[in-house]
Amino acid sequence: MRVAIIEDNEQTRTANAALFSAASTPALPMQVRTYASTEAYQFDQQPVDLLVLDIRLGDNVDGMTFARNLRKQDSQLPIVFLSNYDDYVFDGYDVNALGYIMKPLTPAKVTRILAKTATQRPAPGIVLHTDAGVERLELFDIQAVEVVDHDLIYHTQHGQKQAAGQLAELVTNLPANFVQVHRAVVVNLDFVARLTGKSVILLDGSELPVARARQKQLKTEFLARMRRLADDD
């Protein structure tokens, strides 16, 4: 989950980011970005799944006003307000806020925020531009992605899909269970059946190459991933 935190107090910003990072799990890895102002957030233009927004900011716009303007562009983004005051709590309904949380943020509050967010947003996915049109593909359905003739081939649980795109750009938006094993191949560790050294075998029997420089690290990451999944059980 991609979490953006806008907070003008550096100490609070760092502490809140640490709380969300600590809530990361293999099933729901956290990618946390922090911003000292709404201007910095807008300049970055990174897609997010949850916006944690301080009500009283030190810049020229308060959090509630910023949220109202943001709603004109995105009516679905989950927004959680953090504040030392309850003055704006009813205003949160105007922007369909997911929550209005009193400071300080705690692990228990983060857990509740993430649980509510999960009910508000669809499963993480990406948009493919194929010959047949635009299509949404959930990340949990992707076993691997490889470059073939300047296009991307997505190995899914239901077959292969071909779409335009750049692997380097795609990788930056994938969670930690997706690992680049070759300059032209990314695999989802959850679908790896076997490592042969020079290649990786997926659960559907597909065999994809592994670069020599990535073989040792891939084995380490695969075993670590399997141990974490076993611990979660």
C-alpha atoms as a PDB file:
ATOM      1  CA  MET A   1       0.000   0.000   0.000  1.00  0.00           C
ATOM      2  CA  ARG A   2       1.318   3.429  -0.960  1.00  0.00           C
ATOM      3  CA  VAL A   3       0.832   5.866   1.936  1.00  0.00           C
ATOM      4  CA  ALA A   4       1.448   9.608   1.705  1.00  0.00           C
ATOM      5  CA  ILE A   5       1.825  11.652   4.901  1.00  0.00           C
ATOM      6  CA  ILE A   6       1.587  15.449   4.794  1.00  0.00           C
ATOM      7  CA  GLU A   7       2.795  16.922   8.086  1.00  0.00           C
ATOM      8  CA  ASP A   8       4.739  20.141   8.612  1.00  0.00           C
ATOM      9  CA  ASN A   9       6.319  19.075  11.924  1.00  0.00           C
ATOM     10  CA  GLU A  10       9.430  17.069  11.104  1.00  0.00           C
ATOM     11  CA  GLN A  11       9.471  15.038  14.319  1.00  0.00           C
ATOM     12  CA  THR A  12       5.799  14.086  14.003  1.00  0.00           C
ATOM     13  CA  ARG A  13       6.236  13.354  10.289  1.00  0.00           C
ATOM     14  CA  THR A  14       9.105  10.954  10.976  1.00  0.00           C
ATOM     15  CA  ALA A  15       7.288   9.241  13.853  1.00  0.00           C
ATOM     16  CA  ASN A  16       4.085   8.724  11.860  1.00  0.00           C
ATOM     17  CA  ALA A  17       5.986   7.342   8.886  1.00  0.00           C
ATOM     18  CA  ALA A  18       7.720   4.856  11.197  1.00  0.00           C
ATOM     19  CA  LEU A  19       4.350   3.675  12.555  1.00  0.00           C
ATOM     20  CA  PHE A  20       2.996   2.955   9.076  1.00  0.00           C
ATOM     21  CA  SER A  21       6.236   1.285   7.996  1.00  0.00           C
ATOM     22  CA  ALA A  22       6.097  -0.929  11.093  1.00  0.00           C
ATOM     23  CA  ALA A  23       2.607  -2.073  10.045  1.00  0.00           C
ATOM     24  CA  SER A  24       3.986  -3.529   6.800  1.00  0.00           C
ATOM     25  CA  THR A  25       3.339  -7.235   6.175  1.00  0.00           C
ATOM     26  CA  PRO A  26       4.134  -9.554   3.245  1.00  0.00           C
ATOM     27  CA  ALA A  27       0.449  -9.488   2.325  1.00  0.00           C
ATOM     28  CA  LEU A  28       0.258  -5.690   2.602  1.00  0.00           C
ATOM     29  CA  PRO A  29       3.695  -4.074   2.189  1.00  0.00           C
ATOM     30  CA  MET A  30       3.872  -0.385   3.076  1.00  0.00           C
ATOM     31  CA  GLN A  31       5.483   2.181   0.791  1.00  0.00           C
ATOM     32  CA  VAL A  32       5.496   5.395   2.828  1.00  0.00           C
ATOM     33  CA  ARG A  33       6.283   8.846   1.458  1.00  0.00           C
ATOM     34  CA  THR A  34       6.348  11.975   3.605  1.00  0.00           C
ATOM     35  CA  TYR A  35       5.838  15.612   2.687  1.00  0.00           C
ATOM     36  CA  ALA A  36       6.329  18.791   4.669  1.00  0.00           C
ATOM     37  CA  SER A  37       3.684  20.664   2.679  1.00  0.00           C
ATOM     38  CA  THR A  38       0.812  20.214   0.253  1.00  0.00           C
ATOM     39  CA  GLU A  39       2.963  21.847  -2.422  1.00  0.00           C
ATOM     40  CA  ALA A  40       5.614  19.138  -2.045  1.00  0.00           C
ATOM     41  CA  TYR A  41       2.946  16.436  -2.316  1.00  0.00           C
ATOM     42  CA  GLN A  42       1.486  17.951  -5.481  1.00  0.00           C
ATOM     43  CA  PHE A  43       4.916  18.433  -7.042  1.00  0.00           C
ATOM     44  CA  ASP A  44       5.827  14.769  -6.493  1.00  0.00           C
ATOM     45  CA  GLN A  45       2.703  13.543  -8.339  1.00  0.00           C
ATOM     46  CA  GLN A  46       3.140   9.954  -7.105  1.00  0.00           C
ATOM     47  CA  PRO A  47      -0.001   7.752  -7.019  1.00  0.00           C
ATOM     48  CA  VAL A  48      -1.078   6.797  -3.484  1.00  0.00           C
ATOM     49  CA  ASP A  49      -3.614   4.473  -1.860  1.00  0.00           C
ATOM     50  CA  LEU A  50      -4.005   6.469   1.363  1.00  0.00           C
ATOM     51  CA  LEU A  51      -3.424  10.134   2.226  1.00  0.00           C
ATOM     52  CA  VAL A  52      -2.746  10.983   5.879  1.00  0.00           C
ATOM     53  CA  LEU A  53      -3.190  14.728   6.185  1.00  0.00           C
ATOM     54  CA  ASP A  54      -2.514  17.127   9.031  1.00  0.00           C
ATOM     55  CA  ILE A  55      -5.318  19.637   9.519  1.00  0.00           C
ATOM     56  CA  ARG A  56      -3.200  22.641  10.499  1.00  0.00           C
ATOM     57  CA  LEU A  57      -0.249  23.030   8.175  1.00  0.00           C
ATOM     58  CA  GLY A  58       2.378  25.724   8.138  1.00  0.00           C
ATOM     59  CA  ASP A  59       1.949  26.530   4.438  1.00  0.00           C
ATOM     60  CA  ASN A  60      -0.648  28.741   2.789  1.00  0.00           C
ATOM     61  CA  VAL A  61      -3.484  26.207   2.831  1.00  0.00           C
ATOM     62  CA  ASP A  62      -4.962  24.198   5.694  1.00  0.00           C
ATOM     63  CA  GLY A  63      -5.515  20.468   5.343  1.00  0.00           C
ATOM     64  CA  MET A  64      -9.283  20.687   5.007  1.00  0.00           C
ATOM     65  CA  THR A  65      -9.150  23.248   2.199  1.00  0.00           C
ATOM     66  CA  PHE A  66      -6.559  21.151   0.400  1.00  0.00           C
ATOM     67  CA  ALA A  67      -8.754  18.058   0.750  1.00  0.00           C
ATOM     68  CA  ARG A  68     -11.747  19.887  -0.723  1.00  0.00           C
ATOM     69  CA  ASN A  69      -9.682  20.879  -3.754  1.00  0.00           C
ATOM     70  CA  LEU A  70      -8.287  17.362  -4.057  1.00  0.00           C
ATOM     71  CA  ARG A  71     -11.783  15.869  -4.092  1.00  0.00           C
ATOM     72  CA  LYS A  72     -12.484  17.726  -7.358  1.00  0.00           C
ATOM     73  CA  GLN A  73      -9.816  15.554  -9.003  1.00  0.00           C
ATOM     74  CA  ASP A  74     -10.168  12.289  -7.043  1.00  0.00           C
ATOM     75  CA  SER A  75     -13.451  11.388  -5.386  1.00  0.00           C
ATOM     76  CA  GLN A  76     -12.268   7.977  -4.162  1.00  0.00           C
ATOM     77  CA  LEU A  77      -8.852   8.468  -2.540  1.00  0.00           C
ATOM     78  CA  PRO A  78      -9.064   7.534   1.176  1.00  0.00           C
ATOM     79  CA  ILE A  79      -8.147  10.569   3.280  1.00  0.00           C
ATOM     80  CA  VAL A  80      -7.431  10.470   7.006  1.00  0.00           C
ATOM     81  CA  PHE A  81      -7.075  13.716   8.947  1.00  0.00           C
ATOM     82  CA  LEU A  82      -4.745  14.032  11.929  1.00  0.00           C
ATOM     83  CA  SER A  83      -5.207  16.861  14.396  1.00  0.00           C
ATOM     84  CA  ASN A  84      -4.682  18.084  17.945  1.00  0.00           C
ATOM     85  CA  TYR A  85      -8.101  19.713  17.763  1.00  0.00           C
ATOM     86  CA  ASP A  86     -11.624  18.508  17.074  1.00  0.00           C
ATOM     87  CA  ASP A  87     -12.733  21.806  15.453  1.00  0.00           C
ATOM     88  CA  TYR A  88     -12.907  20.319  11.955  1.00  0.00           C
ATOM     89  CA  VAL A  89     -14.292  16.901  12.737  1.00  0.00           C
ATOM     90  CA  PHE A  90     -17.680  17.557  11.146  1.00  0.00           C
ATOM     91  CA  ASP A  91     -16.079  19.195   8.115  1.00  0.00           C
ATOM     92  CA  GLY A  92     -14.525  15.825   7.384  1.00  0.00           C
ATOM     93  CA  TYR A  93     -17.899  14.601   6.203  1.00  0.00           C
ATOM     94  CA  ASP A  94     -17.855  17.231   3.450  1.00  0.00           C
ATOM     95  CA  VAL A  95     -14.877  15.559   1.791  1.00  0.00           C
ATOM     96  CA  ASN A  96     -15.920  11.983   2.570  1.00  0.00           C
ATOM     97  CA  ALA A  97     -12.936  11.479   4.893  1.00  0.00           C
ATOM     98  CA  LEU A  98     -12.107   7.962   5.967  1.00  0.00           C
ATOM     99  CA  GLY A  99     -11.328   9.158   9.466  1.00  0.00           C
ATOM    100  CA  TYR A 100     -10.561  12.103  11.737  1.00  0.00           C
ATOM    101  CA  ILE A 101      -7.878  10.953  14.170  1.00  0.00           C
ATOM    102  CA  MET A 102      -6.703  12.829  17.224  1.00  0.00           C
ATOM    103  CA  LYS A 103      -2.955  13.030  17.708  1.00  0.00           C
ATOM    104  CA  PRO A 104      -0.749  11.328  18.682  1.00  0.00           C
ATOM    105  CA  LEU A 105      -0.911   8.500  16.188  1.00  0.00           C
ATOM    106  CA  THR A 106      -0.432   5.039  17.738  1.00  0.00           C
ATOM    107  CA  PRO A 107       0.045   1.506  16.353  1.00  0.00           C
ATOM    108  CA  ALA A 108      -3.558   0.685  17.281  1.00  0.00           C
ATOM    109  CA  LYS A 109      -4.842   3.718  15.378  1.00  0.00           C
ATOM    110  CA  VAL A 110      -2.726   2.798  12.348  1.00  0.00           C
ATOM    111  CA  THR A 111      -4.181  -0.728  12.409  1.00  0.00           C
ATOM    112  CA  ARG A 112      -7.728   0.670  12.409  1.00  0.00           C
ATOM    113  CA  ILE A 113      -6.892   3.093   9.584  1.00  0.00           C
ATOM    114  CA  LEU A 114      -5.477   0.305   7.405  1.00  0.00           C
ATOM    115  CA  ALA A 115      -8.456  -1.955   8.102  1.00  0.00           C
ATOM    116  CA  LYS A 116     -10.873   0.778   7.043  1.00  0.00           C
ATOM    117  CA  THR A 117      -8.787   1.603   3.979  1.00  0.00           C
ATOM    118  CA  ALA A 118      -8.909  -2.013   2.835  1.00  0.00           C
ATOM    119  CA  THR A 119     -12.707  -1.844   2.715  1.00  0.00           C
ATOM    120  CA  GLN A 120     -12.672   1.377   0.671  1.00  0.00           C
ATOM    121  CA  ARG A 121     -10.277   0.635  -2.157  1.00  0.00           C
ATOM    122  CA  PRO A 122     -10.214  -2.145  -4.749  1.00  0.00           C
ATOM    123  CA  ALA A 123      -7.358  -4.638  -4.788  1.00  0.00           C
ATOM    124  CA  PRO A 124      -4.091  -3.041  -5.998  1.00  0.00           C
ATOM    125  CA  GLY A 125      -3.778  -3.198  -9.746  1.00  0.00           C
ATOM    126  CA  ILE A 126      -2.319  -1.635 -12.868  1.00  0.00           C
ATOM    127  CA  VAL A 127      -3.834  -0.383 -16.098  1.00  0.00           C
ATOM    128  CA  LEU A 128      -2.807  -2.097 -19.337  1.00  0.00           C
ATOM    129  CA  HIS A 129      -3.039  -0.533 -22.787  1.00  0.00           C
ATOM    130  CA  THR A 130      -3.619  -3.469 -25.130  1.00  0.00           C
ATOM    131  CA  ASP A 131      -4.750  -3.778 -28.748  1.00  0.00           C
ATOM    132  CA  ALA A 132      -8.218  -4.580 -27.397  1.00  0.00           C
ATOM    133  CA  GLY A 133      -8.346  -1.370 -25.324  1.00  0.00           C
ATOM    134  CA  VAL A 134      -7.670  -0.372 -21.735  1.00  0.00           C
ATOM    135  CA  GLU A 135      -7.809  -3.119 -19.103  1.00  0.00           C
ATOM    136  CA  ARG A 136      -7.239  -3.257 -15.345  1.00  0.00           C
ATOM    137  CA  LEU A 137      -5.136  -6.121 -13.981  1.00  0.00           C
ATOM    138  CA  GLU A 138      -4.935  -6.918 -10.245  1.00  0.00           C
ATOM    139  CA  LEU A 139      -1.407  -7.371  -8.911  1.00  0.00           C
ATOM    140  CA  PHE A 140      -2.285 -10.599  -7.108  1.00  0.00           C
ATOM    141  CA  ASP A 141      -3.082 -12.137 -10.510  1.00  0.00           C
ATOM    142  CA  ILE A 142       0.373 -11.441 -11.990  1.00  0.00           C
ATOM    143  CA  GLN A 143       2.941 -14.241 -11.840  1.00  0.00           C
ATOM    144  CA  ALA A 144       5.656 -12.550 -13.901  1.00  0.00           C
ATOM    145  CA  VAL A 145       6.295  -9.865 -16.506  1.00  0.00           C
ATOM    146  CA  GLU A 146       8.798 -10.104 -19.350  1.00  0.00           C
ATOM    147  CA  VAL A 147       9.865  -7.903 -22.234  1.00  0.00           C
ATOM    148  CA  VAL A 148       9.195  -9.370 -25.687  1.00  0.00           C
ATOM    149  CA  ASP A 149       9.676  -7.318 -28.878  1.00  0.00           C
ATOM    150  CA  HIS A 150       9.449  -3.984 -27.013  1.00  0.00           C
ATOM    151  CA  ASP A 151       6.130  -4.960 -25.375  1.00  0.00           C
ATOM    152  CA  LEU A 152       5.398  -6.374 -21.921  1.00  0.00           C
ATOM    153  CA  ILE A 153       4.029  -9.901 -21.573  1.00  0.00           C
ATOM    154  CA  TYR A 154       2.120 -10.423 -18.333  1.00  0.00           C
ATOM    155  CA  HIS A 155       1.989 -14.025 -17.105  1.00  0.00           C
ATOM    156  CA  THR A 156      -1.238 -14.213 -15.103  1.00  0.00           C
ATOM    157  CA  GLN A 157      -3.176 -16.987 -13.412  1.00  0.00           C
ATOM    158  CA  HIS A 158      -5.507 -16.933 -16.407  1.00  0.00           C
ATOM    159  CA  GLY A 159      -3.049 -16.819 -19.277  1.00  0.00           C
ATOM    160  CA  GLN A 160      -0.847 -14.209 -20.905  1.00  0.00           C
ATOM    161  CA  LYS A 161      -1.609 -10.600 -21.753  1.00  0.00           C
ATOM    162  CA  GLN A 162       0.450  -8.342 -24.004  1.00  0.00           C
ATOM    163  CA  ALA A 163       0.573  -4.585 -23.548  1.00  0.00           C
ATOM    164  CA  ALA A 164       2.720  -1.579 -24.324  1.00  0.00           C
ATOM    165  CA  GLY A 165       4.961  -0.299 -21.551  1.00  0.00           C
ATOM    166  CA  GLN A 166       8.432   0.012 -20.065  1.00  0.00           C
ATOM    167  CA  LEU A 167       9.643  -2.561 -17.533  1.00  0.00           C
ATOM    168  CA  ALA A 168      11.779  -0.020 -15.679  1.00  0.00           C
ATOM    169  CA  GLU A 169       8.745   2.202 -15.121  1.00  0.00           C
ATOM    170  CA  LEU A 170       6.529  -0.728 -14.096  1.00  0.00           C
ATOM    171  CA  VAL A 171       8.978  -2.008 -11.475  1.00  0.00           C
ATOM    172  CA  THR A 172       8.834   1.239  -9.488  1.00  0.00           C
ATOM    173  CA  ASN A 173       5.097   0.715  -8.889  1.00  0.00           C
ATOM    174  CA  LEU A 174       5.238  -2.941  -7.819  1.00  0.00           C
ATOM    175  CA  PRO A 175       5.311  -4.204  -4.189  1.00  0.00           C
ATOM    176  CA  ALA A 176       8.274  -5.991  -2.607  1.00  0.00           C
ATOM    177  CA  ASN A 177       7.189  -9.500  -3.618  1.00  0.00           C
ATOM    178  CA  PHE A 178       7.941  -8.592  -7.267  1.00  0.00           C
ATOM    179  CA  VAL A 179      11.651  -9.021  -7.980  1.00  0.00           C
ATOM    180  CA  GLN A 180      13.596  -8.209 -11.128  1.00  0.00           C
ATOM    181  CA  VAL A 181      15.649 -11.323 -11.941  1.00  0.00           C
ATOM    182  CA  HIS A 182      16.842 -10.310 -15.404  1.00  0.00           C
ATOM    183  CA  ARG A 183      16.982  -7.073 -17.372  1.00  0.00           C
ATOM    184  CA  ALA A 184      13.849  -8.248 -19.189  1.00  0.00           C
ATOM    185  CA  VAL A 185      12.068 -10.265 -16.464  1.00  0.00           C
ATOM    186  CA  VAL A 186      10.242  -9.526 -13.210  1.00  0.00           C
ATOM    187  CA  VAL A 187       8.746 -12.362 -11.152  1.00  0.00           C
ATOM    188  CA  ASN A 188       6.225 -12.510  -8.320  1.00  0.00           C
ATOM    189  CA  LEU A 189       7.932 -14.563  -5.603  1.00  0.00           C
ATOM    190  CA  ASP A 190       4.555 -15.919  -4.494  1.00  0.00           C
ATOM    191  CA  PHE A 191       4.322 -17.877  -7.773  1.00  0.00           C
ATOM    192  CA  VAL A 192       7.846 -19.307  -7.856  1.00  0.00           C
ATOM    193  CA  ALA A 193       7.802 -23.109  -7.778  1.00  0.00           C
ATOM    194  CA  ARG A 194      11.515 -23.797  -8.225  1.00  0.00           C
ATOM    195  CA  LEU A 195      14.880 -22.147  -8.808  1.00  0.00           C
ATOM    196  CA  THR A 196      17.331 -23.925 -11.100  1.00  0.00           C
ATOM    197  CA  GLY A 197      20.120 -21.391 -10.870  1.00  0.00           C
ATOM    198  CA  LYS A 198      19.953 -20.098 -14.434  1.00  0.00           C
ATOM    199  CA  SER A 199      16.158 -19.924 -14.512  1.00  0.00           C
ATOM    200  CA  VAL A 200      13.027 -19.677 -12.390  1.00  0.00           C
ATOM    201  CA  ILE A 201      10.079 -22.068 -12.760  1.00  0.00           C
ATOM    202  CA  LEU A 202       6.640 -20.642 -12.044  1.00  0.00           C
ATOM    203  CA  LEU A 203       3.700 -22.594 -10.643  1.00  0.00           C
ATOM    204  CA  ASP A 204       2.146 -22.793 -14.115  1.00  0.00           C
ATOM    205  CA  GLY A 205       5.324 -24.420 -15.483  1.00  0.00           C
ATOM    206  CA  SER A 206       6.670 -21.332 -17.256  1.00  0.00           C
ATOM    207  CA  GLU A 207      10.456 -21.045 -17.230  1.00  0.00           C
ATOM    208  CA  LEU A 208      12.105 -17.626 -17.289  1.00  0.00           C
ATOM    209  CA  PRO A 209      15.813 -16.698 -17.316  1.00  0.00           C
ATOM    210  CA  VAL A 210      17.722 -15.405 -14.293  1.00  0.00           C
ATOM    211  CA  ALA A 211      20.788 -13.209 -14.783  1.00  0.00           C
ATOM    212  CA  ARG A 212      23.978 -14.653 -13.302  1.00  0.00           C
ATOM    213  CA  ALA A 213      24.454 -11.564 -11.132  1.00  0.00           C
ATOM    214  CA  ARG A 214      20.967 -12.027  -9.646  1.00  0.00           C
ATOM    215  CA  GLN A 215      21.033 -15.775  -8.920  1.00  0.00           C
ATOM    216  CA  LYS A 216      22.382 -15.680  -5.368  1.00  0.00           C
ATOM    217  CA  GLN A 217      20.266 -12.697  -4.296  1.00  0.00           C
ATOM    218  CA  LEU A 218      17.132 -14.229  -5.820  1.00  0.00           C
ATOM    219  CA  LYS A 219      17.612 -17.406  -3.786  1.00  0.00           C
ATOM    220  CA  THR A 220      18.007 -15.340  -0.616  1.00  0.00           C
ATOM    221  CA  GLU A 221      14.902 -13.247  -1.331  1.00  0.00           C
ATOM    222  CA  PHE A 222      12.831 -16.294  -2.279  1.00  0.00           C
ATOM    223  CA  LEU A 223      13.700 -18.178   0.920  1.00  0.00           C
ATOM    224  CA  ALA A 224      13.081 -15.082   3.042  1.00  0.00           C
ATOM    225  CA  ARG A 225       9.699 -14.593   1.405  1.00  0.00           C
ATOM    226  CA  MET A 226       8.701 -18.205   2.054  1.00  0.00           C
ATOM    227  CA  ARG A 227       9.770 -17.930   5.711  1.00  0.00           C
ATOM    228  CA  ARG A 228       7.696 -14.776   6.212  1.00  0.00           C
ATOM    229  CA  LEU A 229       4.627 -16.381   4.676  1.00  0.00           C
ATOM    230  CA  ALA A 230       5.076 -19.414   6.930  1.00  0.00           C
ATOM    231  CA  ASP A 231       5.409 -17.162   9.994  1.00  0.00           C
ATOM    232  CA  ASP A 232       2.167 -15.373   9.076  1.00  0.00           C
ATOM    233  CA  ASP A 233       0.349 -18.711   9.035  1.00  0.00           C
END
